[in-house]
Protein backbone atom coordinates (compact mmCIF):
# COMPACT_ATOMS: atom_id res chain seq x y z
CA UNK A 1 -86.27 84.67 -14.33
CA UNK A 2 -88.45 86.03 -11.07
CA UNK A 3 -91.94 84.91 -13.53
CA UNK A 4 -90.52 81.63 -14.09
CA UNK A 5 -87.51 80.53 -12.55
CA UNK A 6 -84.19 79.48 -13.43
CA UNK A 7 -85.11 75.47 -14.08
CA UNK A 8 -88.07 77.13 -16.77
CA UNK A 9 -85.99 79.42 -18.41
CA UNK A 10 -84.85 79.13 -22.19
CA UNK A 11 -81.41 77.80 -22.48
CA UNK A 12 -80.44 80.75 -24.81
CA UNK A 13 -81.50 83.05 -21.15
CA UNK A 14 -79.16 80.70 -19.14
CA UNK A 15 -75.76 81.32 -21.42
CA UNK A 16 -76.56 85.17 -21.59
CA UNK A 17 -76.93 84.85 -17.45
CA UNK A 18 -73.89 82.53 -17.07
CA UNK A 19 -72.21 85.50 -19.63
CA UNK A 20 -73.12 88.21 -17.52
CA UNK A 21 -71.71 87.16 -14.18
CA UNK A 22 -68.57 85.98 -16.13
CA UNK A 23 -68.41 89.89 -17.29
CA UNK A 24 -69.12 90.31 -14.01
CA UNK A 25 -66.09 89.13 -13.21
CA UNK A 26 -64.12 91.74 -14.61
CA UNK A 27 -66.05 94.92 -14.02
CA UNK A 28 -66.26 94.54 -10.13
CA UNK A 29 -63.60 92.04 -8.58
CA UNK A 30 -60.25 94.07 -8.74
CA UNK A 31 -58.02 91.23 -7.50
CA UNK A 32 -59.60 88.75 -10.38
CA UNK A 33 -59.06 91.49 -13.11
CA UNK A 34 -55.16 91.99 -12.06
CA UNK A 35 -54.38 88.44 -11.47
CA UNK A 36 -55.85 87.47 -15.52
CA UNK A 37 -53.83 90.75 -17.17
CA UNK A 38 -51.24 89.37 -15.78
CA UNK A 39 -51.70 86.69 -17.66
CA UNK A 40 -50.16 85.80 -21.01
CA UNK A 41 -53.53 85.75 -23.54
CA UNK A 42 -52.61 82.64 -25.86
CA UNK A 43 -51.67 80.24 -22.76
CA UNK A 44 -55.63 80.79 -21.36
CA UNK A 45 -56.43 80.25 -25.52
CA UNK A 46 -57.36 76.65 -26.40
CA UNK A 47 -55.88 75.68 -29.49
CA UNK A 48 -56.78 72.94 -32.35
CA UNK A 49 -54.76 69.85 -32.08
CA UNK A 50 -55.15 69.27 -35.67
CA UNK A 51 -56.46 70.44 -39.56
CA UNK A 52 -57.65 67.60 -41.98
CA UNK A 53 -57.27 68.43 -46.09
CA UNK A 54 -60.92 69.76 -46.31
CA UNK A 55 -59.78 73.03 -43.90
CA UNK A 56 -62.33 70.89 -40.69
CA UNK A 57 -59.86 71.97 -36.72
CA UNK A 58 -60.11 69.14 -34.59
CA UNK A 59 -60.07 70.52 -31.14
CA UNK A 60 -59.76 68.10 -28.09
CA UNK A 61 -60.62 69.05 -24.05
CA UNK A 62 -60.56 67.39 -21.21
CA UNK A 63 -62.24 67.91 -17.63
CA UNK A 64 -61.23 66.97 -14.53
CA UNK A 65 -63.39 63.98 -14.44
CA UNK A 66 -61.06 62.84 -17.82
CA UNK A 67 -64.38 63.00 -20.06
CA UNK A 68 -62.90 63.59 -23.08
CA UNK A 69 -64.90 65.89 -25.84
CA UNK A 70 -63.42 66.14 -29.57
CA UNK A 71 -65.06 68.49 -31.56
CA UNK A 72 -64.97 69.79 -35.43
CA UNK A 73 -65.03 73.23 -36.79
CA UNK A 74 -64.91 75.05 -40.35
CA UNK A 75 -61.83 76.78 -40.58
CA UNK A 76 -63.74 80.05 -41.53
CA UNK A 77 -66.11 80.01 -39.08
CA UNK A 78 -67.34 83.77 -38.37
CA UNK A 79 -70.27 82.90 -36.05
CA UNK A 80 -69.19 78.96 -34.59
CA UNK A 81 -72.40 77.71 -35.91
CA UNK A 82 -70.54 74.71 -37.66
CA UNK A 83 -69.11 73.28 -34.27
CA UNK A 84 -69.83 69.71 -33.92
CA UNK A 85 -68.87 67.45 -31.21
CA UNK A 86 -67.88 64.20 -32.63
CA UNK A 87 -66.12 62.42 -29.63
């Protein structure tokens, strides 16, 4: 990052940096960590809205700006490689 700057970094490096910053919130911010640990894990997880006869799972997301996204994923996808945005 010091050599190229954030804008020139690869997507992989940007995601690794974001992941690191998110993980630091749990390591270094005790107040945040305690609040999150009080929540039920299942209520924080997004669940698929359905499955089709071929075993594809459908995921629906609506953000605060009312942007709608729908994804499909193969049911036994272990590495996340089958995710595909369809809407």
